[in-house]
N, C-alpha and C. Protein backbone atom coordinates (compact mmCIF):
# COMPACT_ATOMS: atom_id res chain seq x y z
N UNK A 1 -53.43 40.54 -8.21
CA UNK A 1 -52.26 40.71 -7.42
C UNK A 1 -51.12 39.99 -8.08
N UNK A 2 -49.95 40.60 -8.13
CA UNK A 2 -48.77 39.94 -8.72
C UNK A 2 -47.66 39.93 -7.69
N UNK A 3 -47.05 38.78 -7.51
CA UNK A 3 -45.94 38.65 -6.59
C UNK A 3 -44.63 38.59 -7.42
N UNK A 4 -43.60 39.25 -6.89
CA UNK A 4 -42.31 39.15 -7.53
C UNK A 4 -41.67 37.83 -7.02
N UNK A 5 -41.20 37.02 -7.95
CA UNK A 5 -40.60 35.74 -7.59
C UNK A 5 -39.25 35.58 -8.26
N UNK A 6 -38.44 34.81 -7.71
CA UNK A 6 -37.13 34.43 -8.28
C UNK A 6 -37.08 32.95 -8.43
N UNK A 7 -36.24 32.48 -9.37
CA UNK A 7 -36.12 31.09 -9.51
C UNK A 7 -34.90 30.57 -8.73
N UNK A 8 -35.07 29.47 -8.00
CA UNK A 8 -34.01 28.92 -7.20
C UNK A 8 -33.81 27.48 -7.67
N UNK A 9 -32.55 27.10 -7.87
CA UNK A 9 -32.24 25.72 -8.28
C UNK A 9 -31.90 24.92 -7.07
N UNK A 10 -32.64 23.81 -6.86
CA UNK A 10 -32.41 22.91 -5.73
C UNK A 10 -32.31 21.52 -6.27
N UNK A 11 -31.22 20.89 -6.00
CA UNK A 11 -30.98 19.49 -6.45
C UNK A 11 -31.37 19.32 -7.91
N UNK A 12 -30.97 20.28 -8.74
CA UNK A 12 -31.17 20.19 -10.20
C UNK A 12 -32.59 20.55 -10.65
N UNK A 13 -33.48 20.91 -9.71
CA UNK A 13 -34.85 21.23 -10.07
C UNK A 13 -35.08 22.74 -9.81
N UNK A 14 -35.93 23.31 -10.63
CA UNK A 14 -36.26 24.74 -10.43
C UNK A 14 -37.32 24.87 -9.37
N UNK A 15 -37.19 25.83 -8.52
CA UNK A 15 -38.17 26.13 -7.51
C UNK A 15 -38.39 27.66 -7.57
N UNK A 16 -39.59 28.08 -7.32
CA UNK A 16 -39.88 29.52 -7.26
C UNK A 16 -40.07 29.95 -5.83
N UNK A 17 -39.51 31.09 -5.50
CA UNK A 17 -39.68 31.62 -4.17
C UNK A 17 -39.69 33.12 -4.20
N UNK A 18 -40.31 33.78 -3.21
CA UNK A 18 -40.38 35.22 -3.22
C UNK A 18 -39.00 35.84 -3.02
N UNK A 19 -38.71 36.94 -3.76
CA UNK A 19 -37.41 37.59 -3.74
C UNK A 19 -37.17 38.33 -2.46
N UNK A 20 -38.19 38.78 -1.77
CA UNK A 20 -37.99 39.66 -0.65
C UNK A 20 -37.68 38.91 0.66
N UNK A 21 -37.42 37.62 0.65
CA UNK A 21 -37.13 36.91 1.88
C UNK A 21 -35.65 37.11 2.22
N UNK A 22 -35.38 37.29 3.49
CA UNK A 22 -34.00 37.36 3.92
C UNK A 22 -33.88 36.28 5.02
N UNK A 23 -32.66 35.89 5.29
CA UNK A 23 -32.47 34.80 6.25
C UNK A 23 -31.85 35.40 7.55
N UNK A 24 -32.44 35.06 8.69
CA UNK A 24 -31.89 35.47 9.93
C UNK A 24 -30.50 34.86 10.15
N UNK A 25 -29.76 35.38 11.05
CA UNK A 25 -28.45 34.78 11.32
C UNK A 25 -28.45 33.93 12.62
N UNK A 26 -29.54 34.01 13.40
CA UNK A 26 -29.67 33.26 14.65
C UNK A 26 -30.24 31.86 14.39
N UNK A 27 -29.54 30.86 14.83
CA UNK A 27 -30.04 29.47 14.61
C UNK A 27 -31.21 29.15 15.52
N UNK A 28 -32.08 28.27 15.04
CA UNK A 28 -33.24 27.81 15.82
C UNK A 28 -32.99 26.35 16.15
N UNK A 29 -32.97 25.96 17.39
CA UNK A 29 -32.69 24.58 17.78
C UNK A 29 -33.86 23.67 17.45
N UNK A 30 -33.80 22.94 16.34
CA UNK A 30 -34.89 22.07 15.91
C UNK A 30 -34.46 20.66 15.58
N UNK A 31 -33.14 20.40 15.64
CA UNK A 31 -32.61 19.14 15.22
C UNK A 31 -33.35 17.98 15.89
N UNK A 32 -33.70 17.00 15.09
CA UNK A 32 -34.40 15.83 15.61
C UNK A 32 -35.89 15.99 15.87
N UNK A 33 -36.43 17.20 15.80
CA UNK A 33 -37.81 17.45 16.09
C UNK A 33 -38.69 17.56 14.81
N UNK A 34 -38.03 17.72 13.66
CA UNK A 34 -38.77 18.00 12.45
C UNK A 34 -39.00 16.71 11.65
N UNK A 35 -40.21 16.60 11.08
CA UNK A 35 -40.58 15.51 10.21
C UNK A 35 -41.43 16.00 9.07
N UNK A 36 -41.46 15.33 7.92
CA UNK A 36 -42.35 15.71 6.83
C UNK A 36 -43.79 15.71 7.38
N UNK A 37 -44.63 16.50 6.78
CA UNK A 37 -46.04 16.66 7.11
C UNK A 37 -46.28 17.39 8.43
N UNK A 38 -45.28 18.11 8.88
CA UNK A 38 -45.39 18.92 10.13
C UNK A 38 -45.71 20.37 9.74
N UNK A 39 -46.67 20.94 10.41
CA UNK A 39 -46.98 22.39 10.21
C UNK A 39 -46.03 23.21 11.07
N UNK A 40 -45.41 24.25 10.52
CA UNK A 40 -44.52 25.12 11.26
C UNK A 40 -44.98 26.56 11.17
N UNK A 41 -44.62 27.36 12.13
CA UNK A 41 -44.98 28.76 12.18
C UNK A 41 -43.82 29.56 11.51
N UNK A 42 -44.16 30.38 10.48
CA UNK A 42 -43.16 31.18 9.82
C UNK A 42 -42.77 32.37 10.69
N UNK A 43 -41.49 32.59 10.90
CA UNK A 43 -41.01 33.70 11.66
C UNK A 43 -40.92 34.96 10.81
N UNK A 44 -40.89 34.74 9.50
CA UNK A 44 -40.79 35.80 8.52
C UNK A 44 -41.68 35.47 7.34
N UNK A 45 -42.62 36.31 7.02
CA UNK A 45 -43.57 36.04 5.95
C UNK A 45 -42.98 36.33 4.59
N UNK A 46 -43.25 35.48 3.57
CA UNK A 46 -42.74 35.74 2.26
C UNK A 46 -43.33 36.98 1.57
N UNK A 47 -44.56 37.32 2.01
CA UNK A 47 -45.24 38.53 1.59
C UNK A 47 -46.22 38.93 2.65
N UNK A 48 -46.64 40.21 2.63
CA UNK A 48 -47.64 40.64 3.63
C UNK A 48 -48.95 39.92 3.54
N UNK A 49 -49.24 39.25 2.42
CA UNK A 49 -50.51 38.60 2.22
C UNK A 49 -50.47 37.07 2.38
N UNK A 50 -49.32 36.55 2.71
CA UNK A 50 -49.20 35.09 2.83
C UNK A 50 -49.60 34.56 4.14
N UNK A 51 -49.88 33.26 4.19
CA UNK A 51 -50.19 32.58 5.45
C UNK A 51 -48.95 32.62 6.34
N UNK A 52 -49.17 32.46 7.62
CA UNK A 52 -48.06 32.48 8.60
C UNK A 52 -47.60 31.11 8.98
N UNK A 53 -48.11 30.05 8.27
CA UNK A 53 -47.70 28.68 8.55
C UNK A 53 -47.34 28.01 7.25
N UNK A 54 -46.52 26.95 7.36
CA UNK A 54 -46.09 26.20 6.19
C UNK A 54 -46.07 24.76 6.56
N UNK A 55 -46.27 23.89 5.56
CA UNK A 55 -46.25 22.44 5.75
C UNK A 55 -44.92 21.89 5.23
N UNK A 56 -44.16 21.25 6.08
CA UNK A 56 -42.86 20.72 5.65
C UNK A 56 -43.15 19.50 4.74
N UNK A 57 -42.46 19.47 3.62
CA UNK A 57 -42.62 18.39 2.65
C UNK A 57 -41.49 17.37 2.73
N UNK A 58 -40.25 17.85 2.64
CA UNK A 58 -39.10 16.92 2.76
C UNK A 58 -37.85 17.72 3.11
N UNK A 59 -36.96 17.06 3.78
CA UNK A 59 -35.70 17.64 4.23
C UNK A 59 -34.73 17.66 3.08
N UNK A 60 -34.15 18.85 2.78
CA UNK A 60 -33.17 18.95 1.69
C UNK A 60 -31.74 18.87 2.23
N UNK A 61 -31.54 19.36 3.43
CA UNK A 61 -30.23 19.29 4.08
C UNK A 61 -30.53 19.38 5.57
N UNK A 62 -29.43 19.43 6.35
CA UNK A 62 -29.58 19.53 7.82
C UNK A 62 -30.28 20.85 8.23
N UNK A 63 -30.22 21.85 7.38
CA UNK A 63 -30.79 23.14 7.81
C UNK A 63 -31.81 23.69 6.81
N UNK A 64 -32.18 22.91 5.76
CA UNK A 64 -33.17 23.35 4.79
C UNK A 64 -34.25 22.31 4.56
N UNK A 65 -35.45 22.80 4.37
CA UNK A 65 -36.64 21.96 4.12
C UNK A 65 -37.40 22.53 2.91
N UNK A 66 -37.91 21.68 2.06
CA UNK A 66 -38.90 22.01 1.07
C UNK A 66 -40.23 22.08 1.79
N UNK A 67 -40.91 23.18 1.61
CA UNK A 67 -42.17 23.40 2.31
C UNK A 67 -43.25 23.96 1.38
N UNK A 68 -44.45 23.85 1.79
CA UNK A 68 -45.62 24.41 1.03
C UNK A 68 -46.33 25.40 1.95
N UNK A 69 -46.50 26.63 1.34
CA UNK A 69 -47.22 27.68 2.03
C UNK A 69 -48.54 27.87 1.30
N UNK A 70 -49.69 27.77 1.99
CA UNK A 70 -50.96 27.94 1.32
C UNK A 70 -51.02 29.26 0.54
N UNK A 71 -51.58 29.23 -0.65
CA UNK A 71 -51.72 30.39 -1.53
C UNK A 71 -50.41 31.02 -1.96
N UNK A 72 -49.30 30.37 -1.68
CA UNK A 72 -47.96 30.80 -2.08
C UNK A 72 -47.23 29.79 -2.87
N UNK A 73 -47.36 28.53 -2.48
CA UNK A 73 -46.73 27.42 -3.18
C UNK A 73 -45.53 26.84 -2.46
N UNK A 74 -44.73 26.08 -3.23
CA UNK A 74 -43.54 25.45 -2.65
C UNK A 74 -42.43 26.49 -2.52
N UNK A 75 -41.63 26.27 -1.48
CA UNK A 75 -40.46 27.10 -1.23
C UNK A 75 -39.47 26.33 -0.40
N UNK A 76 -38.27 26.82 -0.40
CA UNK A 76 -37.19 26.22 0.47
C UNK A 76 -37.10 27.14 1.70
N UNK A 77 -37.21 26.51 2.89
CA UNK A 77 -37.14 27.25 4.14
C UNK A 77 -35.85 26.80 4.91
N UNK A 78 -35.14 27.77 5.43
CA UNK A 78 -34.02 27.49 6.30
C UNK A 78 -34.60 27.32 7.72
N UNK A 79 -34.04 26.47 8.53
CA UNK A 79 -34.63 26.22 9.86
C UNK A 79 -34.70 27.51 10.73
N UNK A 80 -33.92 28.54 10.35
CA UNK A 80 -33.96 29.78 11.10
C UNK A 80 -35.25 30.63 10.70
N UNK A 81 -35.96 30.19 9.69
CA UNK A 81 -37.13 30.99 9.23
C UNK A 81 -38.45 30.47 9.80
N UNK A 82 -38.40 29.44 10.64
CA UNK A 82 -39.65 28.90 11.24
C UNK A 82 -39.40 28.26 12.58
N UNK A 83 -40.52 28.04 13.28
CA UNK A 83 -40.50 27.27 14.52
C UNK A 83 -41.64 26.32 14.51
N UNK A 84 -41.59 25.33 15.39
CA UNK A 84 -42.66 24.30 15.43
C UNK A 84 -43.88 24.91 16.13
N UNK A 85 -45.06 24.66 15.51
CA UNK A 85 -46.33 25.15 16.08
C UNK A 85 -46.79 24.21 17.19
N UNK A 86 -47.66 24.74 18.03
CA UNK A 86 -48.31 23.92 19.04
C UNK A 86 -47.46 23.85 20.25
């Protein structure tokens, strides 16, 4: 299986992410609730075969997080693309 990926530059480092992701326009109220090492539920899957959860690694900005999706790898998620699990 081959995934189409694009290269994204974040803080001077290259990151790979799926090309077919789009970003919702509706904000998700999460301020103050997010921390590294938190599992979140993806509202939009990067591919039909990916996991539906991601592990937050570190905050990049007020609305973006570096995250790890099992069998997909690292990606940058906007807070509108996920919600807190549990």
